[in-house]
Amino acid sequence: MGSDLKAAVDLPLFRGISDSDRAALLGCLKTYSRSYKKGKYILLEQDHVQDVGIVLSGMVHMRKEDVWGQLTLLSYVGPGELFGETSALCRVQESHVSFLAAADTEVLFLPLDHVLTPCKKQCDFHAVISRNLCGMLGENNLRLMEKIEISAKGSLREKILAYLSIQSQRQGSKYITIPLNRTEMASFLHVNRSAMTRELSQMQADGLIEFDGNTFVLK
């Protein structure tokens, strides 16, 4: 767990908790870590989820497959961010979504029961980590609202602009780098990849954006 401790130092979940308490906390909460190679599933739709995951490094995609085998990228989380919390909190028998390592990824897992239930030792940091967890749940809810905002746009161009605008606001700049390739971006926007690629080129011709790979400049 030594390397995990180093990776966990700056996690929002541990904000306000001293270094000495953090080591005790990881043991008290029965945390554990797992490594996943790019393209490997972390959780499948039929899995029963009891633990929430926090990305230490890499990227995790939340995906949904319909009855025709069509995959949609619902969300993605990077270092310091949370996933699997909805299924764990609802205590459903199946996750109903899958989580895939989109890059070589290290995940810290927290058994939710140990987070929400104070231990017999009555550790002071339990209240702190519960507040931090609630804050992270709120941030995930904001990302869900952003996805709804994008999906509500009527045209392909409006969806693209909404996504790029959210990324610009999040990064605090009109010069942005997105964490998705073209196939992943089309899946996230739930649009046809070829149509999206053509629209991006037209938007650049219209002077709305400039782009080179995953780097965009908003005009």
C-alpha atoms as a PDB file:
ATOM      1  CA  MET A   1       0.000   0.000   0.000  1.00  0.00           C
ATOM      2  CA  GLY A   2       3.031   2.290   0.183  1.00  0.00           C
ATOM      3  CA  SER A   3       2.822   3.405  -3.453  1.00  0.00           C
ATOM      4  CA  ASP A   4      -0.939   3.814  -3.087  1.00  0.00           C
ATOM      5  CA  LEU A   5      -0.394   6.175  -0.175  1.00  0.00           C
ATOM      6  CA  LYS A   6       1.828   8.378  -2.327  1.00  0.00           C
ATOM      7  CA  ALA A   7      -0.737   8.394  -5.149  1.00  0.00           C
ATOM      8  CA  ALA A   8      -3.572   9.125  -2.708  1.00  0.00           C
ATOM      9  CA  VAL A   9      -1.983  12.179  -1.082  1.00  0.00           C
ATOM     10  CA  ASP A  10      -3.730  14.753  -3.284  1.00  0.00           C
ATOM     11  CA  LEU A  11      -7.077  12.995  -3.653  1.00  0.00           C
ATOM     12  CA  PRO A  12     -10.065  15.283  -2.953  1.00  0.00           C
ATOM     13  CA  LEU A  13     -11.455  12.477  -0.787  1.00  0.00           C
ATOM     14  CA  PHE A  14      -8.647  13.009   1.730  1.00  0.00           C
ATOM     15  CA  ARG A  15      -8.761  16.802   1.792  1.00  0.00           C
ATOM     16  CA  GLY A  16      -8.461  18.065   5.370  1.00  0.00           C
ATOM     17  CA  ILE A  17      -7.017  14.808   6.690  1.00  0.00           C
ATOM     18  CA  SER A  18      -3.464  14.797   8.018  1.00  0.00           C
ATOM     19  CA  ASP A  19      -0.745  12.573   6.599  1.00  0.00           C
ATOM     20  CA  SER A  20      -0.609  10.530   9.787  1.00  0.00           C
ATOM     21  CA  ASP A  21      -4.381  10.000   9.805  1.00  0.00           C
ATOM     22  CA  ARG A  22      -4.411   9.117   6.104  1.00  0.00           C
ATOM     23  CA  ALA A  23      -2.338   5.982   6.641  1.00  0.00           C
ATOM     24  CA  ALA A  24      -4.646   4.858   9.448  1.00  0.00           C
ATOM     25  CA  LEU A  25      -7.705   5.737   7.384  1.00  0.00           C
ATOM     26  CA  LEU A  26      -6.781   3.487   4.457  1.00  0.00           C
ATOM     27  CA  GLY A  27      -6.531   0.552   6.835  1.00  0.00           C
ATOM     28  CA  CYS A  28      -9.663   1.473   8.777  1.00  0.00           C
ATOM     29  CA  LEU A  29     -11.748   1.731   5.617  1.00  0.00           C
ATOM     30  CA  LYS A  30     -10.374  -1.568   4.265  1.00  0.00           C
ATOM     31  CA  THR A  31      -9.312   0.094   1.009  1.00  0.00           C
ATOM     32  CA  TYR A  32      -7.506  -1.836  -1.693  1.00  0.00           C
ATOM     33  CA  SER A  33      -6.060  -1.003  -5.093  1.00  0.00           C
ATOM     34  CA  ARG A  34      -6.068  -2.691  -8.479  1.00  0.00           C
ATOM     35  CA  SER A  35      -4.197  -2.068 -11.729  1.00  0.00           C
ATOM     36  CA  TYR A  36      -5.835  -2.449 -15.148  1.00  0.00           C
ATOM     37  CA  LYS A  37      -4.274  -2.447 -18.582  1.00  0.00           C
ATOM     38  CA  LYS A  38      -5.829  -0.280 -21.297  1.00  0.00           C
ATOM     39  CA  GLY A  39      -8.923  -1.962 -22.745  1.00  0.00           C
ATOM     40  CA  LYS A  40      -9.610  -4.145 -19.693  1.00  0.00           C
ATOM     41  CA  TYR A  41     -12.990  -4.045 -17.953  1.00  0.00           C
ATOM     42  CA  ILE A  42     -13.060  -2.951 -14.327  1.00  0.00           C
ATOM     43  CA  LEU A  43     -16.738  -3.738 -13.825  1.00  0.00           C
ATOM     44  CA  LEU A  44     -19.310  -5.357 -16.094  1.00  0.00           C
ATOM     45  CA  GLU A  45     -23.008  -4.511 -16.368  1.00  0.00           C
ATOM     46  CA  GLN A  46     -24.042  -7.668 -14.521  1.00  0.00           C
ATOM     47  CA  ASP A  47     -21.605  -7.142 -11.615  1.00  0.00           C
ATOM     48  CA  HIS A  48     -22.849  -6.408  -8.104  1.00  0.00           C
ATOM     49  CA  VAL A  49     -21.121  -3.234  -6.932  1.00  0.00           C
ATOM     50  CA  GLN A  50     -20.382  -2.715  -3.246  1.00  0.00           C
ATOM     51  CA  ASP A  51     -17.295  -0.528  -3.461  1.00  0.00           C
ATOM     52  CA  VAL A  52     -16.716   2.871  -5.011  1.00  0.00           C
ATOM     53  CA  GLY A  53     -13.618   3.435  -7.105  1.00  0.00           C
ATOM     54  CA  ILE A  54     -11.311   6.442  -7.199  1.00  0.00           C
ATOM     55  CA  VAL A  55      -8.953   6.797 -10.130  1.00  0.00           C
ATOM     56  CA  LEU A  56      -5.354   7.177  -8.951  1.00  0.00           C
ATOM     57  CA  SER A  57      -3.961   7.332 -12.487  1.00  0.00           C
ATOM     58  CA  GLY A  58      -5.270   6.730 -15.984  1.00  0.00           C
ATOM     59  CA  MET A  59      -8.829   7.074 -17.286  1.00  0.00           C
ATOM     60  CA  VAL A  60     -12.071   5.137 -16.780  1.00  0.00           C
ATOM     61  CA  HIS A  61     -14.993   5.120 -19.227  1.00  0.00           C
ATOM     62  CA  MET A  62     -18.556   4.413 -18.098  1.00  0.00           C
ATOM     63  CA  ARG A  63     -20.332   2.656 -20.977  1.00  0.00           C
ATOM     64  CA  LYS A  64     -23.778   1.261 -21.709  1.00  0.00           C
ATOM     65  CA  GLU A  65     -24.629  -1.387 -24.289  1.00  0.00           C
ATOM     66  CA  ASP A  66     -28.177  -1.614 -25.655  1.00  0.00           C
ATOM     67  CA  VAL A  67     -29.953  -4.796 -26.806  1.00  0.00           C
ATOM     68  CA  TRP A  68     -28.574  -4.328 -30.349  1.00  0.00           C
ATOM     69  CA  GLY A  69     -24.982  -4.201 -29.102  1.00  0.00           C
ATOM     70  CA  GLN A  70     -24.592  -0.444 -29.620  1.00  0.00           C
ATOM     71  CA  LEU A  71     -22.167   1.047 -27.081  1.00  0.00           C
ATOM     72  CA  THR A  72     -22.555   4.568 -25.710  1.00  0.00           C
ATOM     73  CA  LEU A  73     -19.947   6.416 -23.680  1.00  0.00           C
ATOM     74  CA  LEU A  74     -21.971   7.849 -20.804  1.00  0.00           C
ATOM     75  CA  SER A  75     -19.170   9.462 -18.839  1.00  0.00           C
ATOM     76  CA  TYR A  76     -15.450   9.357 -18.181  1.00  0.00           C
ATOM     77  CA  VAL A  77     -13.402   9.982 -15.045  1.00  0.00           C
ATOM     78  CA  GLY A  78      -9.742  10.816 -14.544  1.00  0.00           C
ATOM     79  CA  PRO A  79      -7.305  10.961 -11.614  1.00  0.00           C
ATOM     80  CA  GLY A  80      -8.910  11.916  -8.313  1.00  0.00           C
ATOM     81  CA  GLU A  81     -12.445  11.287  -9.561  1.00  0.00           C
ATOM     82  CA  LEU A  82     -15.070   8.827  -8.374  1.00  0.00           C
ATOM     83  CA  PHE A  83     -16.998   6.089 -10.175  1.00  0.00           C
ATOM     84  CA  GLY A  84     -19.439   3.300  -9.326  1.00  0.00           C
ATOM     85  CA  GLU A  85     -21.035   5.300  -6.526  1.00  0.00           C
ATOM     86  CA  THR A  86     -24.607   5.136  -7.864  1.00  0.00           C
ATOM     87  CA  SER A  87     -24.750   1.344  -7.983  1.00  0.00           C
ATOM     88  CA  ALA A  88     -22.999   1.031  -4.623  1.00  0.00           C
ATOM     89  CA  LEU A  89     -25.338   3.508  -2.908  1.00  0.00           C
ATOM     90  CA  CYS A  90     -28.484   2.015  -4.428  1.00  0.00           C
ATOM     91  CA  ARG A  91     -27.308  -1.506  -3.542  1.00  0.00           C
ATOM     92  CA  VAL A  92     -28.617  -2.847  -6.831  1.00  0.00           C
ATOM     93  CA  GLN A  93     -27.910  -6.436  -7.801  1.00  0.00           C
ATOM     94  CA  GLU A  94     -26.394  -5.395 -11.140  1.00  0.00           C
ATOM     95  CA  SER A  95     -24.393  -2.355 -12.145  1.00  0.00           C
ATOM     96  CA  HIS A  96     -26.354  -1.866 -15.436  1.00  0.00           C
ATOM     97  CA  VAL A  97     -23.322  -0.014 -16.820  1.00  0.00           C
ATOM     98  CA  SER A  98     -19.755  -1.147 -17.438  1.00  0.00           C
ATOM     99  CA  PHE A  99     -16.498   0.560 -16.522  1.00  0.00           C
ATOM    100  CA  LEU A 100     -13.518   0.214 -18.848  1.00  0.00           C
ATOM    101  CA  ALA A 101      -9.891   1.236 -18.398  1.00  0.00           C
ATOM    102  CA  ALA A 102      -9.370   3.655 -21.303  1.00  0.00           C
ATOM    103  CA  ALA A 103      -5.642   3.786 -20.476  1.00  0.00           C
ATOM    104  CA  ASP A 104      -3.364   1.907 -18.115  1.00  0.00           C
ATOM    105  CA  THR A 105      -5.212   2.676 -14.897  1.00  0.00           C
ATOM    106  CA  GLU A 106      -4.737   2.378 -11.135  1.00  0.00           C
ATOM    107  CA  VAL A 107      -7.878   2.397  -8.978  1.00  0.00           C
ATOM    108  CA  LEU A 108      -8.315   2.741  -5.220  1.00  0.00           C
ATOM    109  CA  PHE A 109     -11.468   0.985  -4.025  1.00  0.00           C
ATOM    110  CA  LEU A 110     -13.385   1.937  -0.886  1.00  0.00           C
ATOM    111  CA  PRO A 111     -15.987  -0.437   0.609  1.00  0.00           C
ATOM    112  CA  LEU A 112     -18.917   1.944   1.013  1.00  0.00           C
ATOM    113  CA  ASP A 113     -20.170   0.390   4.259  1.00  0.00           C
ATOM    114  CA  HIS A 114     -16.865   1.226   5.955  1.00  0.00           C
ATOM    115  CA  VAL A 115     -17.107   4.829   4.763  1.00  0.00           C
ATOM    116  CA  LEU A 116     -20.699   5.487   5.832  1.00  0.00           C
ATOM    117  CA  THR A 117     -20.591   3.554   9.119  1.00  0.00           C
ATOM    118  CA  PRO A 118     -18.318   4.976  11.859  1.00  0.00           C
ATOM    119  CA  CYS A 119     -15.906   2.367  13.175  1.00  0.00           C
ATOM    120  CA  LYS A 120     -15.694   1.269  16.802  1.00  0.00           C
ATOM    121  CA  LYS A 121     -12.520   3.332  17.194  1.00  0.00           C
ATOM    122  CA  GLN A 122     -14.571   6.496  16.545  1.00  0.00           C
ATOM    123  CA  CYS A 123     -11.829   7.940  14.335  1.00  0.00           C
ATOM    124  CA  ASP A 124     -12.170  11.710  13.870  1.00  0.00           C
ATOM    125  CA  PHE A 125     -11.461  11.478  10.156  1.00  0.00           C
ATOM    126  CA  HIS A 126     -14.659   9.530   9.419  1.00  0.00           C
ATOM    127  CA  ALA A 127     -16.747  12.702   9.515  1.00  0.00           C
ATOM    128  CA  VAL A 128     -14.250  14.487   7.269  1.00  0.00           C
ATOM    129  CA  ILE A 129     -14.153  11.745   4.654  1.00  0.00           C
ATOM    130  CA  SER A 130     -17.960  11.504   4.655  1.00  0.00           C
ATOM    131  CA  ARG A 131     -18.196  15.232   3.884  1.00  0.00           C
ATOM    132  CA  ASN A 132     -15.566  14.925   1.179  1.00  0.00           C
ATOM    133  CA  LEU A 133     -17.399  11.974  -0.342  1.00  0.00           C
ATOM    134  CA  CYS A 134     -20.635  13.979  -0.444  1.00  0.00           C
ATOM    135  CA  GLY A 135     -18.778  16.774  -2.232  1.00  0.00           C
ATOM    136  CA  MET A 136     -17.473  14.330  -4.844  1.00  0.00           C
ATOM    137  CA  LEU A 137     -20.975  12.926  -5.329  1.00  0.00           C
ATOM    138  CA  GLY A 138     -22.168  16.470  -5.951  1.00  0.00           C
ATOM    139  CA  GLU A 139     -19.443  16.998  -8.571  1.00  0.00           C
ATOM    140  CA  ASN A 140     -20.500  13.801 -10.347  1.00  0.00           C
ATOM    141  CA  ASN A 141     -24.062  15.079 -10.342  1.00  0.00           C
ATOM    142  CA  LEU A 142     -22.887  18.308 -11.978  1.00  0.00           C
ATOM    143  CA  ARG A 143     -21.183  16.275 -14.710  1.00  0.00           C
ATOM    144  CA  LEU A 144     -24.442  14.414 -15.252  1.00  0.00           C
ATOM    145  CA  MET A 145     -26.225  17.747 -15.645  1.00  0.00           C
ATOM    146  CA  GLU A 146     -23.603  18.780 -18.207  1.00  0.00           C
ATOM    147  CA  LYS A 147     -24.252  15.589 -20.179  1.00  0.00           C
ATOM    148  CA  ILE A 148     -27.989  16.308 -20.106  1.00  0.00           C
ATOM    149  CA  GLU A 149     -27.282  19.849 -21.342  1.00  0.00           C
ATOM    150  CA  ILE A 150     -25.299  18.481 -24.286  1.00  0.00           C
ATOM    151  CA  SER A 151     -27.900  15.826 -25.120  1.00  0.00           C
ATOM    152  CA  ALA A 152     -30.679  18.426 -25.084  1.00  0.00           C
ATOM    153  CA  LYS A 153     -29.116  20.392 -27.947  1.00  0.00           C
ATOM    154  CA  GLY A 154     -30.982  19.962 -31.212  1.00  0.00           C
ATOM    155  CA  SER A 155     -28.253  19.982 -33.838  1.00  0.00           C
ATOM    156  CA  LEU A 156     -24.905  18.261 -34.174  1.00  0.00           C
ATOM    157  CA  ARG A 157     -23.087  21.607 -34.187  1.00  0.00           C
ATOM    158  CA  GLU A 158     -24.853  22.689 -31.008  1.00  0.00           C
ATOM    159  CA  LYS A 159     -23.866  19.442 -29.264  1.00  0.00           C
ATOM    160  CA  ILE A 160     -20.221  19.888 -30.243  1.00  0.00           C
ATOM    161  CA  LEU A 161     -20.186  23.539 -29.163  1.00  0.00           C
ATOM    162  CA  ALA A 162     -21.851  22.688 -25.845  1.00  0.00           C
ATOM    163  CA  TYR A 163     -19.244  20.025 -25.118  1.00  0.00           C
ATOM    164  CA  LEU A 164     -16.329  22.275 -26.061  1.00  0.00           C
ATOM    165  CA  SER A 165     -17.815  25.143 -24.046  1.00  0.00           C
ATOM    166  CA  ILE A 166     -18.048  22.959 -20.932  1.00  0.00           C
ATOM    167  CA  GLN A 167     -14.440  21.850 -21.404  1.00  0.00           C
ATOM    168  CA  SER A 168     -13.377  25.485 -21.836  1.00  0.00           C
ATOM    169  CA  GLN A 169     -15.133  26.497 -18.626  1.00  0.00           C
ATOM    170  CA  ARG A 170     -13.660  23.542 -16.763  1.00  0.00           C
ATOM    171  CA  GLN A 171     -10.111  24.271 -17.987  1.00  0.00           C
ATOM    172  CA  GLY A 172     -10.464  28.038 -17.639  1.00  0.00           C
ATOM    173  CA  SER A 173      -9.244  28.724 -21.161  1.00  0.00           C
ATOM    174  CA  LYS A 174     -10.378  28.867 -24.783  1.00  0.00           C
ATOM    175  CA  TYR A 175      -7.274  26.839 -25.628  1.00  0.00           C
ATOM    176  CA  ILE A 176      -8.253  23.338 -24.490  1.00  0.00           C
ATOM    177  CA  THR A 177      -7.240  19.701 -24.731  1.00  0.00           C
ATOM    178  CA  ILE A 178      -9.997  17.111 -24.597  1.00  0.00           C
ATOM    179  CA  PRO A 179      -9.371  13.614 -23.155  1.00  0.00           C
ATOM    180  CA  LEU A 180     -11.281  11.783 -25.909  1.00  0.00           C
ATOM    181  CA  ASN A 181     -10.309  10.649 -29.383  1.00  0.00           C
ATOM    182  CA  ARG A 182     -12.763  11.152 -32.251  1.00  0.00           C
ATOM    183  CA  THR A 183     -14.470   7.777 -31.821  1.00  0.00           C
ATOM    184  CA  GLU A 184     -14.865   8.314 -28.074  1.00  0.00           C
ATOM    185  CA  MET A 185     -16.087  11.885 -28.570  1.00  0.00           C
ATOM    186  CA  ALA A 186     -18.750  10.738 -31.052  1.00  0.00           C
ATOM    187  CA  SER A 187     -19.875   8.028 -28.645  1.00  0.00           C
ATOM    188  CA  PHE A 188     -20.019  10.529 -25.763  1.00  0.00           C
ATOM    189  CA  LEU A 189     -22.067  12.972 -27.848  1.00  0.00           C
ATOM    190  CA  HIS A 190     -24.117  10.035 -29.183  1.00  0.00           C
ATOM    191  CA  VAL A 191     -23.644  11.116 -32.794  1.00  0.00           C
ATOM    192  CA  ASN A 192     -22.270   9.555 -35.982  1.00  0.00           C
ATOM    193  CA  ARG A 193     -18.470   9.761 -36.065  1.00  0.00           C
ATOM    194  CA  SER A 194     -18.190  10.587 -39.782  1.00  0.00           C
ATOM    195  CA  ALA A 195     -20.854  13.289 -39.519  1.00  0.00           C
ATOM    196  CA  MET A 196     -19.109  14.755 -36.474  1.00  0.00           C
ATOM    197  CA  THR A 197     -15.741  14.795 -38.255  1.00  0.00           C
ATOM    198  CA  ARG A 198     -17.272  16.624 -41.225  1.00  0.00           C
ATOM    199  CA  GLU A 199     -18.984  19.099 -38.914  1.00  0.00           C
ATOM    200  CA  LEU A 200     -15.756  19.827 -37.054  1.00  0.00           C
ATOM    201  CA  SER A 201     -14.048  20.614 -40.370  1.00  0.00           C
ATOM    202  CA  GLN A 202     -16.943  22.879 -41.381  1.00  0.00           C
ATOM    203  CA  MET A 203     -16.860  24.646 -38.015  1.00  0.00           C
ATOM    204  CA  GLN A 204     -13.168  25.315 -38.538  1.00  0.00           C
ATOM    205  CA  ALA A 205     -13.879  26.630 -42.051  1.00  0.00           C
ATOM    206  CA  ASP A 206     -16.576  28.888 -40.563  1.00  0.00           C
ATOM    207  CA  GLY A 207     -14.036  30.336 -38.119  1.00  0.00           C
ATOM    208  CA  LEU A 208     -15.718  28.989 -34.981  1.00  0.00           C
ATOM    209  CA  ILE A 209     -12.857  26.754 -33.868  1.00  0.00           C
ATOM    210  CA  GLU A 210      -9.364  25.616 -34.723  1.00  0.00           C
ATOM    211  CA  PHE A 211      -8.145  22.152 -33.872  1.00  0.00           C
ATOM    212  CA  ASP A 212      -5.173  19.850 -34.181  1.00  0.00           C
ATOM    213  CA  GLY A 213      -5.857  16.362 -32.881  1.00  0.00           C
ATOM    214  CA  ASN A 214      -7.312  16.696 -29.375  1.00  0.00           C
ATOM    215  CA  THR A 215      -6.296  20.347 -29.001  1.00  0.00           C
ATOM    216  CA  PHE A 216      -8.957  22.973 -29.737  1.00  0.00           C
ATOM    217  CA  VAL A 217      -9.036  26.759 -29.806  1.00  0.00           C
ATOM    218  CA  LEU A 218     -12.475  28.340 -29.416  1.00  0.00           C
ATOM    219  CA  LYS A 219     -12.968  31.546 -31.398  1.00  0.00           C
END
